[in-house]
Protein backbone atom coordinates (compact mmCIF):
# COMPACT_ATOMS: atom_id res chain seq x y z
CA MET A 1 0.09 -0.02 -0.03
CA LYS A 2 2.89 2.44 0.83
CA GLN A 3 4.48 1.72 -2.39
CA GLN A 4 1.27 2.30 -4.26
CA ASN A 5 0.76 5.66 -2.37
CA HIS A 6 4.31 6.58 -3.27
CA ARG A 7 3.70 5.94 -6.99
CA PHE A 8 0.39 7.91 -6.90
CA LEU A 9 2.28 10.98 -5.32
CA ILE A 10 4.84 10.80 -8.11
CA LEU A 11 2.07 10.75 -10.61
CA LEU A 12 0.37 13.75 -8.97
CA LEU A 13 3.62 15.68 -9.01
CA ALA A 14 4.24 14.81 -12.58
CA LEU A 15 0.79 16.28 -13.46
CA GLY A 16 1.45 19.47 -11.38
CA LEU A 17 -1.34 18.41 -8.85
CA GLY A 18 0.68 17.58 -5.93
CA MET A 19 0.47 21.20 -4.43
CA PRO A 20 -2.70 23.19 -3.47
CA GLY A 21 -3.52 25.61 -6.36
CA ALA A 22 -1.01 24.08 -8.70
CA ARG A 23 -2.25 23.22 -12.18
CA ALA A 24 -0.82 22.20 -15.54
CA GLN A 25 0.46 25.14 -17.64
CA GLU A 26 -1.50 26.13 -20.62
CA PRO A 27 0.63 26.87 -23.85
CA ALA A 28 1.19 30.59 -24.28
CA ASN A 29 -0.72 32.31 -27.15
CA PRO A 30 1.74 32.87 -29.95
CA ASP A 31 -0.02 36.06 -30.99
CA PRO A 32 2.12 38.90 -29.84
CA TYR A 33 -1.06 41.00 -29.31
CA ALA A 34 -2.95 38.43 -27.33
CA ASN A 35 -2.69 40.43 -24.11
CA GLU A 36 -2.97 43.93 -25.56
CA THR A 37 -5.13 46.31 -23.67
CA PRO A 38 -7.83 48.31 -25.48
CA ALA A 39 -5.84 51.49 -24.95
CA GLN A 40 -2.82 49.86 -26.49
CA ARG A 41 -4.84 48.56 -29.45
CA ASP A 42 -6.36 52.02 -29.99
CA ALA A 43 -2.90 53.57 -30.03
CA ARG A 44 -1.48 50.94 -32.48
CA MET A 45 -4.45 51.29 -34.83
CA ALA A 46 -4.71 55.06 -34.62
CA TRP A 47 -2.92 55.91 -37.99
CA TRP A 48 -4.64 53.29 -39.90
CA ARG A 49 -8.13 54.21 -38.73
CA ASP A 50 -7.47 57.88 -39.60
CA ALA A 51 -6.01 57.09 -43.05
CA LYS A 52 -9.26 55.60 -44.63
CA PHE A 53 -7.84 55.26 -48.15
CA GLY A 54 -5.06 53.18 -49.38
CA MET A 55 -3.58 51.82 -52.65
CA PHE A 56 -3.40 48.00 -53.24
CA ILE A 57 -0.75 46.93 -55.91
CA HIS A 58 -1.00 43.48 -57.50
CA TRP A 59 2.18 42.91 -59.50
CA GLY A 60 4.21 39.97 -60.61
CA VAL A 61 4.94 37.56 -63.36
CA TYR A 62 1.26 37.15 -64.40
CA ALA A 63 1.49 40.70 -65.80
CA VAL A 64 3.58 39.15 -68.69
CA PRO A 65 0.75 36.92 -70.14
CA ALA A 66 -1.65 39.66 -69.17
CA GLY A 67 -4.58 37.29 -69.43
CA THR A 68 -3.66 35.39 -72.51
CA HIS A 69 -1.78 32.12 -72.64
CA GLU A 70 -0.58 30.47 -75.91
CA GLY A 71 -3.06 32.48 -77.77
CA ARG A 72 -5.96 31.70 -75.53
CA ARG A 73 -7.70 34.30 -73.31
CA ILE A 74 -7.91 32.81 -69.94
CA PRO A 75 -11.14 33.96 -68.11
CA LYS A 76 -11.40 35.53 -64.69
CA ILE A 77 -8.84 37.52 -62.78
CA GLY A 78 -5.39 38.03 -64.39
CA GLU A 79 -3.21 37.13 -61.40
CA TRP A 80 -4.86 33.57 -61.28
CA ILE A 81 -3.79 32.77 -64.84
CA MET A 82 -1.46 30.01 -63.83
CA ASN A 83 -4.33 28.37 -61.92
CA PHE A 84 -7.25 28.84 -64.27
CA GLY A 85 -5.08 28.10 -67.38
CA LYS A 86 -3.58 24.92 -65.52
CA ILE A 87 -0.20 26.09 -66.60
CA PRO A 88 2.70 23.62 -65.51
CA CYS A 89 5.27 25.21 -63.26
CA ALA A 90 8.08 24.93 -65.90
CA ARG A 91 6.01 26.66 -68.57
CA TYR A 92 4.86 29.37 -66.21
CA GLN A 93 8.34 29.95 -64.99
CA GLU A 94 9.30 30.91 -68.67
CA TYR A 95 7.23 34.07 -68.37
CA ALA A 96 9.59 35.39 -65.79
CA LYS A 97 12.23 35.79 -68.55
CA GLU A 98 9.94 38.49 -69.88
CA PHE A 99 9.27 40.27 -66.63
CA ASN A 100 11.54 43.17 -67.02
CA PRO A 101 10.04 46.36 -65.42
CA VAL A 102 12.53 48.95 -66.88
CA LYS A 103 9.91 51.65 -66.63
CA TYR A 104 9.34 51.13 -62.89
CA ASP A 105 9.42 54.45 -61.01
CA PRO A 106 8.47 53.94 -57.39
CA ASP A 107 8.75 57.67 -56.73
CA ALA A 108 6.04 58.20 -59.42
CA TRP A 109 3.87 55.48 -57.93
CA VAL A 110 3.95 57.03 -54.45
CA ARG A 111 3.36 60.47 -55.96
CA LEU A 112 0.26 59.12 -57.59
CA ALA A 113 -0.96 57.60 -54.45
CA LYS A 114 -0.51 60.93 -52.61
CA GLU A 115 -2.18 62.73 -55.45
CA ALA A 116 -5.14 60.47 -55.20
CA GLY A 117 -5.42 61.13 -51.48
CA MET A 118 -4.14 57.60 -50.51
CA LYS A 119 -2.37 57.57 -47.11
CA TYR A 120 -0.90 54.00 -47.37
CA ILE A 121 0.14 51.37 -50.05
CA VAL A 122 0.00 47.54 -49.73
CA ILE A 123 2.00 45.65 -52.43
CA THR A 124 2.06 41.84 -53.21
CA SER A 125 5.46 40.84 -52.04
CA LYS A 126 4.56 37.28 -53.20
CA HIS A 127 1.24 36.19 -54.67
CA HIS A 128 -0.16 32.76 -55.17
CA ASP A 129 2.14 31.97 -58.05
CA GLY A 130 4.99 31.94 -55.43
CA PHE A 131 7.04 34.71 -57.29
CA ALA A 132 8.59 37.11 -54.85
CA LEU A 133 9.17 40.77 -55.82
CA PHE A 134 12.23 40.81 -53.49
CA ASP A 135 15.59 39.01 -53.40
CA SER A 136 14.93 36.02 -51.28
CA ALA A 137 17.64 33.87 -49.73
CA VAL A 138 15.58 30.72 -49.78
CA THR A 139 14.56 30.51 -53.43
CA ASP A 140 15.60 31.65 -56.98
CA TRP A 141 11.83 32.08 -57.95
CA ASP A 142 12.22 35.70 -57.28
CA VAL A 143 12.74 38.89 -59.24
CA ALA A 144 16.62 38.68 -58.56
CA GLY A 145 16.91 34.98 -59.52
CA ALA A 146 14.42 34.36 -62.35
CA THR A 147 14.10 37.71 -64.28
CA PRO A 148 16.42 39.86 -66.44
CA TYR A 149 15.63 42.78 -64.07
CA LYS A 150 17.55 41.01 -61.21
CA LYS A 151 16.88 43.62 -58.60
CA ASP A 152 14.83 43.87 -55.53
CA LEU A 153 11.50 45.84 -56.22
CA LEU A 154 10.33 46.52 -52.77
CA ALA A 155 13.46 48.30 -51.43
CA PRO A 156 13.07 51.29 -53.77
CA LEU A 157 9.38 51.54 -53.00
CA ALA A 158 10.08 51.52 -49.30
CA GLU A 159 12.44 54.42 -49.64
CA ALA A 160 10.00 56.29 -51.94
CA CYS A 161 7.21 55.85 -49.31
CA ARG A 162 9.46 56.87 -46.55
CA LYS A 163 10.66 60.03 -48.44
CA GLN A 164 7.05 61.04 -49.28
CA GLY A 165 5.43 60.14 -45.99
CA VAL A 166 3.31 57.27 -47.03
CA LYS A 167 2.89 54.00 -45.08
CA LEU A 168 3.92 50.82 -46.77
CA GLY A 169 2.47 47.38 -46.08
CA PHE A 170 3.26 44.07 -47.74
CA TYR A 171 0.78 41.37 -48.91
CA TYR A 172 2.19 37.84 -48.64
CA SER A 173 0.39 34.63 -49.78
CA GLN A 174 1.44 32.25 -46.95
CA ALA A 175 -0.60 29.14 -47.91
CA GLN A 176 -1.24 29.10 -51.63
CA ASP A 177 1.92 28.84 -53.72
CA TRP A 178 1.58 27.09 -56.97
CA ASN A 179 5.34 26.81 -57.78
CA HIS A 180 7.19 25.88 -54.63
CA LYS A 181 6.74 22.26 -53.50
CA GLY A 182 4.05 21.59 -50.93
CA GLY A 183 2.42 25.11 -51.37
CA ALA A 184 -1.45 24.83 -51.43
CA GLY A 185 -3.54 25.23 -54.41
CA ASN A 186 -1.70 23.53 -57.35
CA ARG A 187 -3.58 20.23 -58.23
CA TRP A 188 -2.65 20.16 -61.88
CA ASP A 189 1.12 19.78 -61.81
CA PRO A 190 2.61 16.65 -60.12
CA SER A 191 5.99 18.28 -60.08
CA GLN A 192 4.82 20.71 -57.37
CA GLN A 193 3.38 18.18 -55.03
CA GLY A 194 5.03 17.92 -51.60
CA SER A 195 4.54 18.52 -47.84
CA MET A 196 2.76 21.71 -46.98
CA ASP A 197 4.53 21.50 -43.45
CA ASP A 198 7.93 21.60 -45.30
CA TYR A 199 6.83 24.41 -47.42
CA ILE A 200 5.78 26.45 -44.38
CA ARG A 201 9.02 25.71 -42.76
CA ASP A 202 11.35 26.18 -45.60
CA ILE A 203 9.62 28.96 -47.69
CA ALA A 204 6.94 30.83 -46.04
CA VAL A 205 8.45 31.33 -42.58
CA PRO A 206 11.95 32.44 -43.73
CA GLN A 207 10.38 34.68 -46.40
CA VAL A 208 8.02 36.34 -43.89
CA ARG A 209 11.03 36.90 -41.66
CA GLU A 210 12.84 38.44 -44.67
CA ILE A 211 10.09 40.93 -45.52
CA LEU A 212 9.75 41.94 -41.93
CA THR A 213 13.37 42.61 -41.46
CA LYS A 214 14.82 43.80 -44.70
CA TYR A 215 13.34 47.23 -45.14
CA GLY A 216 13.95 49.20 -41.99
CA ASP A 217 11.96 49.68 -38.60
CA ASP A 218 8.96 51.41 -40.33
CA VAL A 219 8.41 48.85 -43.24
CA PRO A 220 6.19 47.08 -43.42
CA ALA A 221 3.42 48.85 -41.39
CA VAL A 222 0.89 46.17 -42.52
CA LEU A 223 1.12 42.54 -43.24
CA TRP A 224 -1.65 41.30 -45.52
CA TRP A 225 -2.15 37.55 -45.37
CA ASP A 226 -4.35 35.81 -47.91
CA THR A 227 -6.35 32.69 -48.62
CA PRO A 228 -5.62 30.54 -45.68
CA LYS A 229 -6.03 27.19 -47.78
CA GLY A 230 -4.80 24.27 -45.78
CA MET A 231 -3.75 26.38 -42.86
CA ASN A 232 -4.15 25.17 -39.24
CA ALA A 233 -2.94 26.32 -35.85
CA ALA A 234 0.33 24.36 -36.11
CA ARG A 235 1.15 25.92 -39.51
CA ALA A 236 0.06 29.49 -38.50
CA LYS A 237 1.95 29.53 -35.18
CA PRO A 238 5.34 30.08 -36.47
CA LEU A 239 4.11 32.69 -38.81
CA ILE A 240 2.24 34.79 -36.25
CA GLU A 241 5.22 34.60 -33.87
CA LEU A 242 7.21 36.50 -36.40
CA LEU A 243 5.10 39.58 -35.90
CA LYS A 244 7.09 40.27 -32.73
CA LEU A 245 9.96 41.24 -35.09
CA LYS A 246 7.91 44.26 -36.20
CA PRO A 247 6.39 45.90 -33.09
CA GLY A 248 3.14 47.73 -33.89
CA ILE A 249 2.51 46.01 -37.30
CA ILE A 250 -1.12 45.70 -38.26
CA HIS A 251 -2.22 42.25 -39.79
CA ASN A 252 -5.56 41.02 -41.20
CA ASN A 253 -7.82 38.13 -40.76
CA ARG A 254 -6.54 36.00 -43.52
CA LEU A 255 -3.77 34.00 -41.82
CA GLY A 256 -5.82 31.09 -40.74
CA GLY A 257 -5.40 28.74 -37.83
CA GLY A 258 -7.85 30.37 -35.64
CA PHE A 259 -6.00 33.79 -35.49
CA GLY A 260 -8.41 36.55 -36.03
CA GLY A 261 -5.87 39.36 -36.80
CA ASP A 262 -6.66 43.06 -36.56
CA THR A 263 -8.93 43.73 -39.49
CA GLU A 264 -11.85 42.24 -41.38
CA THR A 265 -11.32 42.16 -45.13
CA PRO A 266 -14.51 42.21 -47.27
CA GLU A 267 -13.49 41.82 -50.95
CA GLN A 268 -15.25 43.41 -53.96
CA HIS A 269 -18.28 44.40 -51.87
CA ILE A 270 -19.19 46.90 -49.11
CA PRO A 271 -21.07 45.27 -46.10
CA ALA A 272 -24.52 46.73 -45.40
CA THR A 273 -23.57 47.66 -41.86
CA GLY A 274 -19.78 47.37 -41.66
CA PHE A 275 -18.37 45.40 -38.85
CA PRO A 276 -19.42 46.84 -35.44
CA ASN A 277 -16.53 46.51 -32.82
CA ARG A 278 -14.05 45.34 -35.52
CA ASP A 279 -11.69 47.44 -37.76
CA TRP A 280 -12.21 46.51 -41.42
CA GLU A 281 -11.16 47.39 -44.83
CA VAL A 282 -12.77 46.80 -48.29
CA CYS A 283 -10.36 45.77 -50.97
CA MET A 284 -11.66 46.43 -54.48
CA THR A 285 -10.45 46.42 -58.11
CA MET A 286 -10.97 49.35 -60.49
CA ASN A 287 -11.90 46.94 -63.31
CA GLY A 288 -12.51 43.28 -63.14
CA THR A 289 -9.02 42.04 -62.19
CA TRP A 290 -6.32 42.62 -59.57
CA GLY A 291 -3.25 41.66 -61.75
CA TYR A 292 -2.80 43.37 -65.05
CA LYS A 293 -4.99 42.03 -67.87
CA SER A 294 -4.44 43.76 -71.15
CA TYR A 295 -8.01 43.57 -72.46
CA ASP A 296 -10.01 44.21 -69.25
CA ASN A 297 -11.47 47.61 -69.94
CA GLY A 298 -14.50 47.31 -67.57
CA TRP A 299 -13.41 50.37 -65.53
CA LYS A 300 -15.58 51.65 -62.64
CA SER A 301 -16.43 55.35 -62.89
CA VAL A 302 -15.01 57.97 -60.78
CA GLU A 303 -18.40 58.85 -59.32
CA SER A 304 -19.00 55.22 -58.28
CA MET A 305 -15.59 55.07 -56.54
CA ILE A 306 -15.97 58.31 -54.66
CA ARG A 307 -19.26 57.35 -53.45
CA MET A 308 -17.84 53.92 -52.46
CA LEU A 309 -15.21 55.74 -50.46
CA ALA A 310 -17.90 57.85 -48.73
CA ASP A 311 -20.06 54.71 -48.10
CA ILE A 312 -17.15 52.84 -46.50
CA ALA A 313 -16.09 55.78 -44.39
CA SER A 314 -19.70 56.31 -43.22
CA LYS A 315 -19.71 52.75 -42.01
CA GLY A 316 -16.36 53.18 -40.12
CA GLY A 317 -14.15 51.23 -42.64
CA ASN A 318 -11.17 51.81 -44.89
CA PHE A 319 -10.84 51.55 -48.73
CA LEU A 320 -8.01 49.64 -50.30
CA LEU A 321 -8.28 50.34 -54.09
CA ASN A 322 -6.25 48.31 -56.52
CA VAL A 323 -3.97 49.04 -59.39
CA GLY A 324 -2.36 46.32 -61.51
CA PRO A 325 1.00 47.42 -63.23
CA THR A 326 2.27 46.08 -66.51
CA ALA A 327 5.26 43.80 -66.72
CA GLU A 328 7.17 46.96 -67.73
CA GLY A 329 6.41 48.65 -64.56
CA GLU A 330 3.71 51.09 -65.69
CA ILE A 331 0.41 51.73 -63.91
CA PRO A 332 -2.40 51.72 -66.66
CA GLN A 333 -3.42 55.23 -67.78
CA ALA A 334 -7.07 54.50 -66.98
CA SER A 335 -6.12 53.82 -63.32
CA ILE A 336 -4.02 57.02 -63.16
CA GLU A 337 -6.86 59.25 -64.55
CA ARG A 338 -9.34 57.80 -62.14
CA LEU A 339 -6.93 58.21 -59.16
CA GLN A 340 -6.28 61.76 -60.12
CA GLN A 341 -10.01 62.70 -60.22
CA MET A 342 -10.62 61.06 -56.86
CA GLY A 343 -7.63 63.20 -55.43
CA LYS A 344 -9.26 66.30 -56.77
CA TRP A 345 -12.45 65.56 -54.85
CA LEU A 346 -10.55 64.66 -51.69
CA LYS A 347 -8.50 67.84 -51.85
CA VAL A 348 -11.85 69.69 -51.33
CA ASN A 349 -13.53 67.26 -49.17
CA GLY A 350 -10.84 65.21 -47.50
CA GLU A 351 -11.95 66.65 -44.06
CA ALA A 352 -15.14 64.57 -44.42
CA ILE A 353 -13.15 61.32 -45.05
CA TYR A 354 -9.80 61.30 -43.07
CA GLY A 355 -10.04 60.79 -39.38
CA THR A 356 -13.73 60.38 -39.30
CA ARG A 357 -15.93 57.84 -37.64
CA ALA A 358 -19.00 56.04 -38.51
CA ASN A 359 -22.39 57.75 -39.10
CA PRO A 360 -24.66 58.09 -36.12
CA PHE A 361 -27.97 57.56 -37.95
CA ASP A 362 -29.59 54.16 -38.62
CA LYS A 363 -31.34 55.67 -41.70
CA MET A 364 -30.48 58.70 -43.75
CA PRO A 365 -32.69 61.90 -43.93
CA PHE A 366 -31.36 62.57 -47.36
CA ASP A 367 -29.86 60.61 -50.48
CA GLY A 368 -26.23 60.17 -49.40
CA ARG A 369 -24.02 59.41 -46.57
CA CYS A 370 -22.71 60.81 -43.40
CA THR A 371 -19.44 60.74 -41.50
CA ARG A 372 -18.53 62.52 -38.25
CA LYS A 373 -15.89 63.99 -36.14
CA PRO A 374 -16.13 65.38 -32.51
CA GLY A 375 -18.67 68.23 -32.81
CA LYS A 376 -19.15 67.96 -36.52
CA LEU A 377 -21.10 65.88 -39.11
CA PHE A 378 -20.51 65.67 -42.73
CA LEU A 379 -23.30 65.04 -45.10
CA HIS A 380 -22.32 63.54 -48.38
CA LEU A 381 -25.20 64.64 -50.69
CA TYR A 382 -25.65 62.69 -53.99
CA CYS A 383 -28.61 64.87 -55.00
CA ARG A 384 -30.53 67.93 -53.75
CA PRO A 385 -33.93 67.19 -52.08
CA ALA A 386 -36.83 68.42 -54.11
CA ASP A 387 -37.74 71.01 -51.46
CA GLY A 388 -34.02 71.92 -50.92
CA LYS A 389 -34.24 71.19 -47.25
CA ILE A 390 -32.79 68.64 -44.91
CA THR A 391 -34.12 68.07 -41.30
CA LEU A 392 -31.78 66.31 -39.04
CA PRO A 393 -33.02 64.17 -36.05
CA LEU A 394 -30.70 65.70 -33.45
CA ALA A 395 -31.16 66.85 -29.95
CA ASN A 396 -27.87 68.78 -30.31
CA LYS A 397 -27.81 72.47 -31.07
CA ILE A 398 -26.59 73.23 -34.53
CA THR A 399 -24.20 76.05 -34.56
CA LYS A 400 -23.05 76.46 -38.14
CA VAL A 401 -23.59 74.76 -41.46
CA TYR A 402 -21.61 75.30 -44.73
CA LEU A 403 -20.50 73.49 -47.75
CA LEU A 404 -16.85 72.26 -47.74
CA GLU A 405 -16.52 73.66 -51.17
CA GLN A 406 -17.61 76.99 -49.97
CA PRO A 407 -16.70 77.29 -46.16
CA ASP A 408 -17.20 81.00 -45.83
CA ALA A 409 -20.84 80.94 -47.14
CA ALA A 410 -22.97 79.87 -44.13
CA LEU A 411 -26.34 77.96 -44.84
CA LYS A 412 -29.57 78.95 -43.32
CA VAL A 413 -30.67 76.73 -40.37
CA GLU A 414 -34.02 76.97 -38.61
CA ASP A 415 -34.20 74.61 -35.61
CA LYS A 416 -32.82 71.36 -37.18
CA THR A 417 -33.84 72.17 -40.81
CA ILE A 418 -31.04 73.16 -43.20
CA THR A 419 -31.83 75.10 -46.46
CA LEU A 420 -29.46 74.14 -49.24
CA PRO A 421 -28.49 76.30 -52.15
CA ASP A 422 -30.50 76.25 -55.30
CA SER A 423 -28.00 73.80 -56.85
CA LEU A 424 -25.16 71.66 -55.51
CA PRO A 425 -21.69 72.35 -56.73
CA ASP A 426 -20.59 68.74 -57.13
CA PRO A 427 -22.88 66.25 -58.86
CA VAL A 428 -20.89 63.36 -57.48
CA ALA A 429 -21.00 64.19 -53.80
CA THR A 430 -21.42 67.71 -52.35
CA VAL A 431 -20.35 67.66 -48.61
CA VAL A 432 -22.17 69.80 -46.06
CA ALA A 433 -20.46 70.43 -42.91
CA VAL A 434 -22.71 70.74 -39.71
CA GLU A 435 -21.15 71.90 -36.55
CA ILE A 436 -22.99 70.87 -33.45
CA THR A 437 -22.40 70.95 -29.62
CA GLY A 438 -21.31 67.76 -28.13
CA GLU A 439 -21.48 64.26 -29.54
CA PRO A 440 -24.45 63.69 -31.81
CA ALA A 441 -27.64 62.74 -29.84
CA VAL A 442 -30.16 61.10 -32.39
CA THR A 443 -33.74 61.82 -31.39
CA GLN A 444 -35.51 59.72 -33.88
CA GLU A 445 -34.93 57.75 -37.06
CA THR A 446 -37.92 57.64 -39.25
CA PHE A 447 -35.93 58.61 -42.40
CA GLN A 448 -34.59 56.50 -45.30
CA THR A 449 -33.31 56.95 -48.74
CA ARG A 450 -35.49 57.01 -51.69
CA ASP A 451 -35.31 53.38 -52.52
CA GLY A 452 -36.33 52.61 -49.04
CA LYS A 453 -33.16 50.58 -48.34
CA ASN A 454 -29.69 51.41 -46.93
CA PRO A 455 -29.72 50.66 -43.16
CA LYS A 456 -26.79 52.12 -41.17
CA PRO A 457 -24.92 53.77 -44.11
């Protein structure tokens, strides 16, 4: 019996149960932000929440075929041409010999982003084809080892962003990789088959370490994961642990393995009510593709994209709008022209976008959107009401009303009813600034847009 008791005591000690209050240790959460306080999170996310508008850049070898492989137009998005065209690895890698971006001007790209009113850029450091825009030590399937250009493309962009005061983030496809053995997503080429665990260990982890450490303390400001195909907690763990190498970095919800990240990422649509209590960012193309496709001319109008920006801001989100440069390194002229026009609107109305928070109304008393700052509402009017009046359901005192385009001309206000000019100066979106006392106190919400829809714009 004594011997049995002795063995039982050893077992209890081994389990950590031999002392009062002792218990087995739970594994530490590898997320470096797991124990972040709300105040710490607010401080880390502050610049991003204020920025509102960013440029997404999808660029890589897929810009060479530009949507056409061996004389056949491959449907759908251009950067997926290898997948949709079921192109073998060896054949696809031949395209890298034609990727020579001699017209690449990172300073001009950043100037364009600034002219458009964009505050940050996110570029594909490696997309699903596995091709890296940087000189990686763990593969030759990169711009330095596989192309005639032979130079890192991210370093000069980082320097241009730093010089011009624009934040730079990196997209990285951690799971899908159709060229490196074991990467997820390639089911058409047997030569690529292998262990995904080996791929994570030998390619993804060291490459993420590279992009987190090669470009200075301030770059990247964002790490944009994508498509967590095949990811689980064990595969995600060594990747999320790397974030400690870049204190303050923001990352999204696409890593996988149960890690939620900092931001939700609705793609190609604007959610009806945003994401209450979560930071979020809509990513969207200007035409029908992310990567360059020579014959995709289905461009969105400037009007629609300005209104998208207002819609997203009114719901508390950010807008990440894409450009897809050519294999020579040029942003398409149609993208440039649209961005310049958006920038002209923001030069007048930027106060109603940057640093704003979500609209306080559940339904709008006019056709448009609303953003706010402390003591001020911004009414984005898409058209003038028939009677030329807007009544706001507010308990607050309205102290001043004016158009951002005409700040010195006060508009008439009686009680909570604003009288608008006979015509609105901007047919896309005229912004009315309404200064109020205190935070908005909504009294009733019986209004809606003319189509009877649009909850919480």
